[in-house]
Amino acid sequence: MKKNMLTIVAIALSFINVVLTAVIVFSVVPTMQKTNSLITQVASIIDLEVSGSDTGQKTVNIADLDTVAYTNALTINLKSTDGDDANHYAVVDQIILYLDKTAKDYSTIQPSMANFEGKVDEIVTNQLSQYTKDEVNNNREAIKNAILTSIQEQFGTETIVDVSLKNLRSQ
């Protein structure tokens, strides 16, 4: 009689095990798949942002760089924020352009760059004036990339590979 009772208990526990396994398969697994799908989507968005934040700048050996420095200090009016009546300014002590000596049009661009200080100042002023004080303080690299892109487009060259705004500060 005891053997039959143990067999019934074992069969009952096996049946409970099968039922719980079915519950897991039909309720937990789909939820986990949805969660994995959501995590995959979030990860792909993050990967897009990381790969999308590539500035498009090519890597140039430091020995192949030449600099053109513009020493005029600029004071630029910044865009005002909503509810802020104060005038804000950005001050740049010096603008430095970095040229790639290995670029095919370097020999034509480099000698003439010293003559375009006013044009470069204008491009920097136009770009910086589109930002608020907080944006200037928080997005310096994005602003530098926008300035670099504008300068490259204006001069029609890829010889200019970087721009530096020496002592950029906002008030």
Protein backbone atom coordinates (compact mmCIF):
# COMPACT_ATOMS: atom_id res chain seq x y z
CA MET A 1 0.00 0.00 0.00
CA LYS A 2 2.86 2.37 0.83
CA LYS A 3 4.38 1.76 -2.58
CA ASN A 4 1.15 2.75 -4.27
CA MET A 5 0.91 5.90 -2.17
CA LEU A 6 4.49 6.88 -3.06
CA THR A 7 3.75 6.22 -6.72
CA ILE A 8 0.67 8.45 -6.58
CA VAL A 9 2.69 11.24 -4.90
CA ALA A 10 5.46 10.88 -7.50
CA ILE A 11 2.92 11.00 -10.34
CA ALA A 12 1.23 14.04 -8.77
CA LEU A 13 4.57 15.84 -8.40
CA SER A 14 5.47 14.99 -11.99
CA PHE A 15 2.12 16.35 -13.17
CA ILE A 16 2.67 19.56 -11.14
CA ASN A 17 6.13 19.81 -12.69
CA VAL A 18 4.67 19.51 -16.21
CA VAL A 19 2.01 22.15 -15.43
CA LEU A 20 4.57 24.60 -14.03
CA THR A 21 6.85 24.01 -17.02
CA ALA A 22 3.93 24.79 -19.35
CA VAL A 23 3.20 27.97 -17.40
CA ILE A 24 6.82 29.02 -17.78
CA VAL A 25 6.88 28.20 -21.48
CA PHE A 26 3.65 30.00 -22.31
CA SER A 27 3.87 33.02 -20.00
CA VAL A 28 7.46 33.76 -19.02
CA VAL A 29 9.25 32.96 -22.29
CA PRO A 30 7.19 35.36 -24.48
CA THR A 31 7.66 38.09 -21.90
CA MET A 32 11.40 37.49 -21.89
CA GLN A 33 11.45 37.59 -25.70
CA LYS A 34 9.67 40.95 -25.66
CA THR A 35 12.10 42.22 -23.06
CA ASN A 36 15.06 41.01 -25.12
CA SER A 37 13.58 42.68 -28.19
CA LEU A 38 13.22 45.96 -26.31
CA ILE A 39 16.77 45.75 -25.00
CA THR A 40 18.04 45.02 -28.52
CA GLN A 41 16.19 48.03 -29.91
CA VAL A 42 17.56 50.32 -27.19
CA ALA A 43 21.06 48.98 -27.75
CA SER A 44 20.79 49.55 -31.50
CA ILE A 45 19.63 53.13 -30.93
CA ILE A 46 22.57 53.73 -28.60
CA ASP A 47 24.93 52.18 -31.17
CA LEU A 48 23.47 54.47 -33.85
CA GLU A 49 24.04 57.49 -31.66
CA VAL A 50 27.59 56.46 -30.91
CA SER A 51 28.37 55.70 -34.53
CA GLY A 52 26.32 58.69 -35.68
CA SER A 53 28.35 61.01 -33.52
CA ASP A 54 31.37 60.39 -35.71
CA THR A 55 32.54 63.81 -36.76
CA GLY A 56 33.64 62.68 -40.17
CA GLN A 57 37.13 63.92 -39.44
CA LYS A 58 39.84 61.83 -40.90
CA THR A 59 42.74 60.83 -38.73
CA VAL A 60 45.91 62.66 -39.66
CA ASN A 61 49.35 61.97 -38.28
CA ILE A 62 50.46 64.89 -36.12
CA ALA A 63 53.64 65.23 -38.18
CA ASP A 64 51.44 65.91 -41.24
CA LEU A 65 49.61 68.84 -39.63
CA ASP A 66 50.25 72.49 -40.26
CA THR A 67 48.58 75.31 -38.34
CA VAL A 68 47.21 78.67 -39.33
CA ALA A 69 46.51 80.93 -36.34
CA TYR A 70 44.22 83.95 -36.40
CA THR A 71 44.97 86.16 -33.41
CA ASN A 72 41.98 88.51 -33.50
CA ALA A 73 39.94 88.08 -30.35
CA LEU A 74 36.23 87.73 -31.06
CA THR A 75 33.30 88.76 -28.88
CA ILE A 76 30.13 87.17 -30.21
CA ASN A 77 26.52 87.78 -29.16
CA LEU A 78 24.85 84.51 -28.26
CA LYS A 79 21.24 83.56 -28.86
CA SER A 80 19.03 84.42 -25.90
CA THR A 81 17.02 81.80 -24.07
CA ASP A 82 13.32 82.07 -23.37
CA GLY A 83 12.69 84.10 -20.23
CA ASP A 84 16.25 85.40 -20.02
CA ASP A 85 16.51 89.10 -20.81
CA ALA A 86 20.27 89.35 -20.24
CA ASN A 87 22.68 89.56 -23.16
CA HIS A 88 25.17 86.71 -23.30
CA TYR A 89 28.48 86.69 -25.13
CA ALA A 90 31.10 84.19 -26.20
CA VAL A 91 34.72 85.29 -26.31
CA VAL A 92 37.37 83.53 -28.37
CA ASP A 93 40.97 84.68 -27.98
CA GLN A 94 42.36 82.90 -31.02
CA ILE A 95 41.21 80.63 -33.85
CA ILE A 96 43.60 77.94 -35.03
CA LEU A 97 43.02 75.90 -38.18
CA TYR A 98 44.83 72.60 -38.65
CA LEU A 99 45.76 71.71 -42.24
CA ASP A 100 46.68 68.30 -43.60
CA LYS A 101 50.02 68.59 -45.41
CA THR A 102 49.32 65.36 -47.32
CA ALA A 103 46.08 66.64 -48.87
CA LYS A 104 46.18 67.12 -52.63
CA ASP A 105 45.21 70.81 -52.52
CA TYR A 106 47.39 71.72 -49.51
CA SER A 107 49.91 73.63 -51.64
CA THR A 108 47.18 75.91 -53.00
CA ILE A 109 45.17 76.35 -49.79
CA GLN A 110 47.94 76.88 -47.23
CA PRO A 111 49.55 80.06 -48.66
CA SER A 112 46.21 81.83 -49.05
CA MET A 113 44.73 80.94 -45.64
CA ALA A 114 46.54 83.81 -43.91
CA ASN A 115 44.56 86.24 -46.09
CA PHE A 116 41.18 84.89 -45.02
CA GLU A 117 41.18 85.81 -41.33
CA GLY A 118 38.07 87.96 -41.77
CA LYS A 119 36.19 85.17 -43.53
CA VAL A 120 37.09 82.61 -40.87
CA ASP A 121 36.10 85.10 -38.14
CA GLU A 122 32.76 85.58 -39.88
CA ILE A 123 32.12 81.84 -40.11
CA VAL A 124 32.96 81.34 -36.43
CA THR A 125 30.77 84.30 -35.45
CA ASN A 126 27.83 83.05 -37.53
CA GLN A 127 28.07 79.55 -36.09
CA LEU A 128 28.51 80.57 -32.45
CA SER A 129 25.71 83.14 -32.59
CA GLN A 130 23.23 80.31 -33.26
CA TYR A 131 23.78 78.85 -29.79
CA THR A 132 22.73 79.86 -26.30
CA LYS A 133 25.15 80.28 -23.42
CA ASP A 134 24.24 76.85 -22.02
CA GLU A 135 24.67 75.20 -25.40
CA VAL A 136 28.12 76.78 -25.80
CA ASN A 137 29.13 75.51 -22.38
CA ASN A 138 27.77 71.99 -22.91
CA ASN A 139 28.30 71.26 -26.61
CA ARG A 140 31.76 72.54 -27.46
CA GLU A 141 32.74 69.60 -29.65
CA ALA A 142 29.51 69.76 -31.66
CA ILE A 143 30.01 73.50 -32.16
CA LYS A 144 33.61 72.98 -33.26
CA ASN A 145 32.47 70.30 -35.72
CA ALA A 146 29.81 72.64 -37.13
CA ILE A 147 32.40 75.39 -37.53
CA LEU A 148 34.83 72.98 -39.20
CA THR A 149 32.16 71.77 -41.61
CA SER A 150 31.22 75.36 -42.50
CA ILE A 151 34.85 76.30 -43.11
CA GLN A 152 35.42 73.20 -45.26
CA GLU A 153 32.31 73.97 -47.31
CA GLN A 154 33.20 77.65 -47.68
CA PHE A 155 36.71 76.95 -48.93
CA GLY A 156 35.74 73.78 -50.81
CA THR A 157 38.54 71.72 -49.33
CA GLU A 158 39.21 68.76 -47.08
CA THR A 159 42.69 70.10 -46.31
CA ILE A 160 41.35 71.80 -43.19
CA VAL A 161 40.92 68.90 -40.77
CA ASP A 162 40.36 70.56 -37.40
CA VAL A 163 39.65 73.88 -35.74
CA SER A 164 40.57 75.07 -32.28
CA LEU A 165 38.91 77.92 -30.42
CA LYS A 166 41.52 79.05 -27.94
CA ASN A 167 40.13 80.07 -24.58
CA LEU A 168 36.46 79.91 -25.57
CA ARG A 169 34.38 81.23 -22.73
CA SER A 170 30.83 82.50 -22.39
CA GLN A 171 29.26 85.09 -20.17
